[in-house]
């Protein structure tokens, strides 16, 4: 009798193992199927005329984002309305591999600031620039950063911190709406919102240890409202509610906890939560709060027009044809060389105006080499 029971248990165990393996195979097949459907949707959206930017945004936001840097190099320009066949000329540079990324970082920053006198460098801007450099290369990074700096990042690039503080002020009203007890605790602790400053102004690029998480969030932010990094900050704080409430209710303890982002955050779930918060508490509703009424955000006020402009783009096949036709025209309307191709001494003089920026550049180069050293040298030969 016991022998039969043992045999039956053995058979059932084998069946369970087989079923488990089958379930894993089915799960893997479903994931691959989802990826293939997303790739097809992206391909079709890119080739529609005009480009189906709405579908591209949905793909960037949905689980897994844009899947690979190869796809990002095609989709990110469409999310920012950049013509990939009309990029700034490649600046001249020395062929020293060890200094290539730093040199390109300087080129991108100076190009954007020289062409847009109303924009001012802020500490943390380089973290965003280096992410784009690593994904799309120098010429595309220049084009993307010029658009991004004039729209999504515009409030951070004022000569003072007033606009940046204004953006940070959206965080606490979200927490107050969702978790009043948590909001009261943080108010009593007088922690403020400074813990989230580096999150927002670097799009989390400065605080995340894994590059794959950074580019996943960039997919999300490029496809969303400029305040989405604030909603993600709220989602992170809400996710850590119990940790916060267990802290001593004073500024130093709560700030120390919140300013360090854990390595194991569930980013896909947090993205979903941030989207839900945005739908439930849109910026226009939050702006009715007293602390948000007396400042006009350039970033927010221009976003609707920016979104409309992105919906009128032509597919790359059409842009390529137009580019070839322009190339056959007489060169009497040729563009002037880019200012970043200027004398190296002039460039370094401008660079030397801020010592902190120079130090930051070296730090970013080191960070990038830690992220993907072999990729850096492949991308920037």
Protein backbone atom coordinates (compact mmCIF):
# COMPACT_ATOMS: atom_id res chain seq x y z
CA UNK A 1 0.00 0.00 0.00
CA UNK A 2 2.76 2.38 0.96
CA UNK A 3 4.60 1.40 -2.23
CA UNK A 4 1.61 2.42 -4.32
CA UNK A 5 1.37 5.73 -2.47
CA UNK A 6 5.07 6.39 -3.06
CA UNK A 7 4.71 5.59 -6.75
CA UNK A 8 1.64 7.82 -7.06
CA UNK A 9 3.45 10.65 -5.29
CA UNK A 10 6.42 10.17 -7.59
CA UNK A 11 4.22 10.29 -10.67
CA UNK A 12 2.37 13.35 -9.38
CA UNK A 13 5.66 15.01 -8.60
CA UNK A 14 6.89 14.32 -12.12
CA UNK A 15 3.63 15.70 -13.51
CA UNK A 16 4.01 18.81 -11.39
CA UNK A 17 7.53 19.30 -12.69
CA UNK A 18 6.40 18.86 -16.27
CA UNK A 19 3.50 21.25 -15.77
CA UNK A 20 5.82 23.76 -14.15
CA UNK A 21 8.23 23.57 -17.07
CA UNK A 22 5.34 23.89 -19.47
CA UNK A 23 4.09 26.93 -17.59
CA UNK A 24 7.52 28.51 -17.80
CA UNK A 25 7.67 27.82 -21.54
CA UNK A 26 4.21 29.32 -22.01
CA UNK A 27 5.22 32.35 -19.97
CA UNK A 28 8.35 32.80 -22.05
CA UNK A 29 6.38 32.39 -25.27
CA UNK A 30 3.84 35.01 -24.15
CA UNK A 31 6.62 37.48 -23.31
CA UNK A 32 8.24 36.96 -26.71
CA UNK A 33 4.87 37.32 -28.38
CA UNK A 34 4.28 40.63 -26.58
CA UNK A 35 7.69 41.86 -27.67
CA UNK A 36 7.03 40.91 -31.28
CA UNK A 37 3.65 42.68 -31.22
CA UNK A 38 5.26 45.78 -29.74
CA UNK A 39 8.05 45.73 -32.33
CA UNK A 40 5.47 45.46 -35.11
CA UNK A 41 3.42 48.31 -33.63
CA UNK A 42 6.53 50.51 -33.39
CA UNK A 43 7.57 49.69 -36.96
CA UNK A 44 4.11 50.52 -38.29
CA UNK A 45 3.89 53.72 -36.24
CA UNK A 46 7.27 54.91 -37.52
CA UNK A 47 6.24 54.34 -41.12
CA UNK A 48 2.80 55.93 -40.92
CA UNK A 49 2.51 59.34 -42.57
CA UNK A 50 2.27 61.36 -40.41
CA UNK A 51 4.13 59.29 -37.83
CA UNK A 52 1.79 57.68 -35.28
CA UNK A 53 3.37 59.37 -32.26
CA UNK A 54 0.49 58.38 -30.01
CA UNK A 55 1.29 54.68 -30.52
CA UNK A 56 5.00 55.36 -29.98
CA UNK A 57 4.19 57.05 -26.67
CA UNK A 58 2.04 54.09 -25.62
CA UNK A 59 4.86 51.67 -26.45
CA UNK A 60 7.39 53.77 -24.54
CA UNK A 61 5.20 53.87 -21.44
CA UNK A 62 3.93 50.27 -21.45
CA UNK A 63 5.75 47.42 -19.73
CA UNK A 64 9.36 47.07 -20.87
CA UNK A 65 9.44 50.44 -22.59
CA UNK A 66 11.17 50.58 -25.96
CA UNK A 67 12.99 47.27 -25.41
CA UNK A 68 16.43 48.19 -26.77
CA UNK A 69 18.75 51.11 -27.49
CA UNK A 70 18.49 50.35 -31.21
CA UNK A 71 14.76 51.07 -31.05
CA UNK A 72 15.33 54.11 -28.83
CA UNK A 73 17.58 55.61 -31.49
CA UNK A 74 14.59 55.50 -33.86
CA UNK A 75 11.79 56.44 -31.47
CA UNK A 76 13.30 59.05 -29.14
CA UNK A 77 13.75 61.55 -32.03
CA UNK A 78 10.06 61.15 -32.93
CA UNK A 79 8.99 61.73 -29.32
CA UNK A 80 10.90 65.03 -29.41
CA UNK A 81 10.08 65.99 -33.03
CA UNK A 82 13.67 65.78 -34.29
CA UNK A 83 14.46 65.31 -37.98
CA UNK A 84 17.20 62.67 -38.02
CA UNK A 85 18.22 63.78 -41.53
CA UNK A 86 18.87 67.36 -40.46
CA UNK A 87 21.21 66.98 -37.50
CA UNK A 88 23.89 69.46 -36.41
CA UNK A 89 27.27 68.80 -38.04
CA UNK A 90 29.69 66.62 -36.12
CA UNK A 91 32.14 68.85 -34.21
CA UNK A 92 35.85 68.31 -34.83
CA UNK A 93 37.65 66.54 -32.05
CA UNK A 94 40.88 64.89 -31.06
CA UNK A 95 41.10 61.15 -31.63
CA UNK A 96 42.09 60.37 -28.03
CA UNK A 97 39.75 57.55 -27.03
CA UNK A 98 40.15 58.15 -23.33
CA UNK A 99 38.86 61.71 -23.63
CA UNK A 100 36.18 61.10 -26.28
CA UNK A 101 33.14 60.95 -24.02
CA UNK A 102 34.23 63.95 -21.99
CA UNK A 103 34.89 65.90 -25.18
CA UNK A 104 31.48 65.01 -26.56
CA UNK A 105 29.81 65.91 -23.29
CA UNK A 106 31.39 69.36 -23.53
CA UNK A 107 30.35 69.67 -27.18
CA UNK A 108 26.70 68.88 -26.51
CA UNK A 109 26.38 71.20 -23.53
CA UNK A 110 28.15 74.13 -25.17
CA UNK A 111 26.25 73.72 -28.43
CA UNK A 112 22.88 73.90 -26.66
CA UNK A 113 23.85 76.82 -24.42
CA UNK A 114 25.49 78.83 -27.21
CA UNK A 115 22.45 78.52 -29.48
CA UNK A 116 19.94 79.21 -26.69
CA UNK A 117 21.11 82.18 -24.65
CA UNK A 118 18.05 82.01 -22.39
CA UNK A 119 19.15 78.61 -21.08
CA UNK A 120 21.56 78.24 -18.17
CA UNK A 121 23.54 75.19 -17.13
CA UNK A 122 22.53 73.59 -13.83
CA UNK A 123 24.37 70.98 -11.79
CA UNK A 124 22.91 67.66 -12.92
CA UNK A 125 22.27 68.59 -16.55
CA UNK A 126 25.33 66.57 -17.57
CA UNK A 127 23.73 63.40 -16.15
CA UNK A 128 20.96 63.68 -18.71
CA UNK A 129 23.36 64.57 -21.53
CA UNK A 130 25.58 61.57 -20.91
CA UNK A 131 22.60 59.22 -20.98
CA UNK A 132 21.62 60.47 -24.42
CA UNK A 133 25.24 60.29 -25.57
CA UNK A 134 25.50 56.65 -24.56
CA UNK A 135 22.27 55.72 -26.34
CA UNK A 136 22.19 57.82 -29.52
CA UNK A 137 25.67 59.28 -30.06
CA UNK A 138 26.87 62.87 -30.29
CA UNK A 139 25.01 64.46 -33.23
CA UNK A 140 21.65 63.01 -32.25
CA UNK A 141 22.27 63.88 -28.59
CA UNK A 142 22.82 67.53 -29.56
CA UNK A 143 19.53 67.64 -31.46
CA UNK A 144 17.55 65.87 -28.73
CA UNK A 145 19.04 67.93 -25.90
CA UNK A 146 18.28 71.21 -27.67
CA UNK A 147 14.59 70.29 -27.85
CA UNK A 148 14.51 68.75 -24.38
CA UNK A 149 16.21 71.78 -22.82
CA UNK A 150 13.66 74.14 -24.37
CA UNK A 151 10.68 72.08 -23.21
CA UNK A 152 10.79 69.31 -20.59
CA UNK A 153 13.83 70.72 -18.75
CA UNK A 154 13.11 74.39 -19.38
CA UNK A 155 12.16 75.32 -15.80
CA UNK A 156 15.41 73.87 -14.47
CA UNK A 157 17.45 76.06 -16.85
CA UNK A 158 16.46 79.46 -15.49
CA UNK A 159 19.18 81.64 -13.94
CA UNK A 160 17.65 81.09 -10.47
CA UNK A 161 16.18 78.08 -8.64
CA UNK A 162 12.70 79.62 -8.40
CA UNK A 163 11.18 77.60 -11.24
CA UNK A 164 12.81 74.40 -10.02
CA UNK A 165 11.35 74.94 -6.54
CA UNK A 166 7.98 75.51 -8.17
CA UNK A 167 8.14 72.12 -9.89
CA UNK A 168 9.14 70.45 -6.61
CA UNK A 169 6.10 72.02 -4.96
CA UNK A 170 3.83 69.68 -6.92
CA UNK A 171 5.05 66.68 -4.92
CA UNK A 172 3.50 67.28 -1.50
CA UNK A 173 -0.06 68.00 -2.78
CA UNK A 174 -0.06 64.59 -4.50
CA UNK A 175 0.92 62.88 -1.24
CA UNK A 176 -1.68 64.90 0.64
CA UNK A 177 -4.44 63.70 -1.70
CA UNK A 178 -3.44 60.02 -1.61
CA UNK A 179 -2.11 59.47 1.94
CA UNK A 180 -3.05 62.33 4.29
CA UNK A 181 -1.41 60.60 7.29
CA UNK A 182 1.88 60.25 5.45
CA UNK A 183 1.67 63.87 4.33
CA UNK A 184 1.07 65.04 7.92
CA UNK A 185 4.02 62.97 9.15
CA UNK A 186 6.34 64.48 6.56
CA UNK A 187 5.11 67.99 7.32
CA UNK A 188 5.74 67.44 11.04
CA UNK A 189 9.21 66.15 10.24
CA UNK A 190 9.81 69.32 8.16
CA UNK A 191 11.60 67.21 5.57
CA UNK A 192 10.40 69.32 2.64
CA UNK A 193 11.02 68.11 -0.92
CA UNK A 194 14.75 68.68 -1.33
CA UNK A 195 15.33 64.92 -1.11
CA UNK A 196 13.76 64.61 -4.58
CA UNK A 197 15.70 67.47 -6.20
CA UNK A 198 18.40 65.32 -7.83
CA UNK A 199 15.73 62.85 -8.96
CA UNK A 200 13.90 65.46 -10.98
CA UNK A 201 16.71 67.56 -12.43
CA UNK A 202 18.63 64.49 -13.67
CA UNK A 203 15.58 62.39 -14.57
CA UNK A 204 16.89 59.95 -11.95
CA UNK A 205 20.08 59.43 -13.96
CA UNK A 206 22.26 60.55 -11.06
CA UNK A 207 20.70 58.27 -8.43
CA UNK A 208 20.10 54.96 -10.21
CA UNK A 209 22.89 52.41 -10.19
CA UNK A 210 21.80 50.44 -13.26
CA UNK A 211 21.77 52.07 -16.68
CA UNK A 212 18.89 49.86 -17.89
CA UNK A 213 16.62 51.40 -15.26
CA UNK A 214 17.68 54.90 -16.29
CA UNK A 215 16.87 54.44 -19.99
CA UNK A 216 13.60 52.71 -19.09
CA UNK A 217 12.56 55.81 -17.16
CA UNK A 218 13.71 58.03 -20.03
CA UNK A 219 11.35 56.11 -22.34
CA UNK A 220 8.56 56.91 -19.89
CA UNK A 221 9.41 60.58 -19.39
CA UNK A 222 9.94 61.35 -23.09
CA UNK A 223 6.47 59.98 -23.82
CA UNK A 224 4.75 61.78 -20.93
CA UNK A 225 3.89 65.17 -19.45
CA UNK A 226 6.97 67.09 -18.20
CA UNK A 227 5.74 66.72 -14.61
CA UNK A 228 5.79 62.92 -14.78
CA UNK A 229 9.13 62.72 -12.89
CA UNK A 230 7.28 64.40 -9.98
CA UNK A 231 4.48 61.85 -10.14
CA UNK A 232 7.08 59.08 -10.16
CA UNK A 233 8.69 60.66 -7.10
CA UNK A 234 5.31 60.56 -5.38
CA UNK A 235 4.89 56.91 -6.38
CA UNK A 236 8.30 56.08 -4.87
CA UNK A 237 7.48 57.84 -1.58
CA UNK A 238 4.09 56.11 -1.41
CA UNK A 239 5.75 52.76 -2.11
CA UNK A 240 8.02 53.37 0.90
CA UNK A 241 5.27 54.66 3.17
CA UNK A 242 5.81 52.09 5.93
CA UNK A 243 9.55 52.74 6.00
CA UNK A 244 8.92 56.47 6.30
CA UNK A 245 6.39 56.12 9.10
CA UNK A 246 8.79 53.93 11.08
CA UNK A 247 11.39 56.73 11.01
CA UNK A 248 11.86 59.15 13.84
CA UNK A 249 9.65 62.10 12.95
CA UNK A 250 12.43 64.59 12.36
CA UNK A 251 14.03 66.05 9.26
CA UNK A 252 17.44 64.34 9.25
CA UNK A 253 16.09 60.79 9.62
CA UNK A 254 13.35 61.10 7.02
CA UNK A 255 15.59 62.95 4.54
CA UNK A 256 18.34 60.34 4.88
CA UNK A 257 15.87 57.53 4.19
CA UNK A 258 14.14 59.13 1.22
CA UNK A 259 17.19 60.59 -0.48
CA UNK A 260 18.62 57.09 -1.08
CA UNK A 261 16.70 55.14 -3.69
CA UNK A 262 16.73 51.36 -3.02
CA UNK A 263 18.27 49.09 -5.65
CA UNK A 264 15.24 46.79 -5.82
CA UNK A 265 12.41 49.17 -6.64
CA UNK A 266 9.66 47.67 -8.87
CA UNK A 267 9.99 50.22 -11.66
CA UNK A 268 7.23 48.86 -13.90
CA UNK A 269 4.74 48.98 -11.02
CA UNK A 270 5.91 52.47 -10.07
CA UNK A 271 5.42 53.66 -13.66
CA UNK A 272 1.85 52.33 -13.60
CA UNK A 273 1.29 54.05 -10.25
CA UNK A 274 2.69 57.34 -11.53
CA UNK A 275 0.33 57.19 -14.50
CA UNK A 276 -2.61 56.54 -12.17
CA UNK A 277 -1.64 59.50 -9.98
CA UNK A 278 -1.36 61.72 -13.05
CA UNK A 279 -4.86 60.69 -14.20
CA UNK A 280 -6.42 61.12 -10.75
CA UNK A 281 -4.64 64.36 -9.83
CA UNK A 282 -3.69 66.17 -13.08
CA UNK A 283 -1.38 69.21 -12.92
CA UNK A 284 -4.24 71.63 -13.56
CA UNK A 285 -6.02 70.40 -10.42
CA UNK A 286 -2.87 70.45 -8.31
CA UNK A 287 -2.10 73.97 -9.53
CA UNK A 288 -5.14 75.22 -7.61
CA UNK A 289 -3.16 74.69 -4.40
CA UNK A 290 -2.03 77.99 -2.85
CA UNK A 291 1.67 77.15 -3.12
CA UNK A 292 1.36 76.64 -6.89
CA UNK A 293 -0.78 79.61 -7.92
CA UNK A 294 1.77 82.39 -8.14
CA UNK A 295 4.32 81.00 -10.55
CA UNK A 296 3.98 80.33 -14.25
CA UNK A 297 5.84 77.28 -15.52
CA UNK A 298 7.24 77.66 -19.03
CA UNK A 299 7.56 73.88 -19.29
CA UNK A 300 3.91 73.22 -18.45
CA UNK A 301 2.46 76.13 -20.42
CA UNK A 302 4.19 75.12 -23.69
CA UNK A 303 3.63 71.37 -23.45
CA UNK A 304 0.31 71.23 -25.28
CA UNK A 305 1.71 73.06 -28.32
CA UNK A 306 4.79 70.83 -28.21
CA UNK A 307 2.66 67.69 -28.24
CA UNK A 308 0.66 69.02 -31.19
CA UNK A 309 3.85 69.70 -33.15
CA UNK A 310 5.09 66.14 -32.64
CA UNK A 311 1.93 64.79 -34.28
CA UNK A 312 2.78 66.40 -37.63
CA UNK A 313 6.06 64.54 -38.32
CA UNK A 314 6.88 62.73 -41.55
CA UNK A 315 8.28 59.18 -41.51
CA UNK A 316 12.03 58.70 -41.96
CA UNK A 317 11.61 57.38 -45.50
CA UNK A 318 10.09 60.72 -46.54
CA UNK A 319 12.66 62.73 -44.58
CA UNK A 320 15.47 60.76 -46.22
CA UNK A 321 14.09 61.50 -49.68
CA UNK A 322 13.76 65.21 -48.85
CA UNK A 323 17.33 65.21 -47.54
CA UNK A 324 18.64 63.72 -50.80
CA UNK A 325 16.73 66.32 -52.81
CA UNK A 326 18.19 69.14 -50.74
CA UNK A 327 21.67 67.70 -51.24
CA UNK A 328 21.26 68.10 -55.03
CA UNK A 329 20.46 71.83 -54.71
CA UNK A 330 23.19 74.50 -55.19
CA UNK A 331 25.09 75.06 -51.93
CA UNK A 332 24.30 78.80 -51.74
CA UNK A 333 22.14 78.29 -48.64
CA UNK A 334 24.58 76.04 -46.82
CA UNK A 335 24.47 76.27 -43.06
CA UNK A 336 27.26 77.92 -41.13
CA UNK A 337 29.50 75.53 -39.21
CA UNK A 338 28.34 74.67 -35.71
CA UNK A 339 29.75 76.84 -32.92
CA UNK A 340 31.04 73.74 -31.15
CA UNK A 341 33.60 73.26 -33.91
CA UNK A 342 35.37 76.39 -32.68
CA UNK A 343 38.97 76.70 -31.57
CA UNK A 344 39.78 74.30 -28.73
CA UNK A 345 41.23 77.13 -26.62
CA UNK A 346 37.96 79.06 -26.84
CA UNK A 347 36.01 75.96 -25.94
CA UNK A 348 38.13 75.22 -22.90
CA UNK A 349 37.94 78.85 -21.80
CA UNK A 350 34.16 78.65 -21.77
CA UNK A 351 34.37 75.29 -20.04
CA UNK A 352 36.64 76.76 -17.36
CA UNK A 353 34.03 79.34 -16.35
CA UNK A 354 32.56 76.81 -13.94
CA UNK A 355 34.87 74.53 -12.02
CA UNK A 356 32.00 72.43 -10.71
CA UNK A 357 30.91 71.62 -14.24
CA UNK A 358 34.42 70.45 -15.11
CA UNK A 359 34.52 68.22 -12.05
CA UNK A 360 31.09 66.89 -12.89
CA UNK A 361 32.21 65.98 -16.39
CA UNK A 362 35.06 63.85 -15.08
CA UNK A 363 32.68 62.19 -12.63
CA UNK A 364 30.23 61.40 -15.41
CA UNK A 365 32.94 59.90 -17.59
CA UNK A 366 33.92 57.60 -14.76
CA UNK A 367 30.28 56.66 -14.16
CA UNK A 368 29.71 55.95 -17.84
CA UNK A 369 32.77 53.73 -17.96
CA UNK A 370 31.37 51.77 -15.04
CA UNK A 371 27.99 51.41 -16.79
CA UNK A 372 29.23 50.09 -20.12
CA UNK A 373 32.95 50.54 -20.93
CA UNK A 374 32.95 48.29 -23.98
CA UNK A 375 29.84 49.99 -25.35
CA UNK A 376 31.30 53.46 -24.86
CA UNK A 377 34.27 52.65 -27.08
CA UNK A 378 32.04 51.00 -29.69
CA UNK A 379 29.68 53.95 -29.83
CA UNK A 380 32.44 56.57 -29.89
CA UNK A 381 35.31 55.09 -31.95
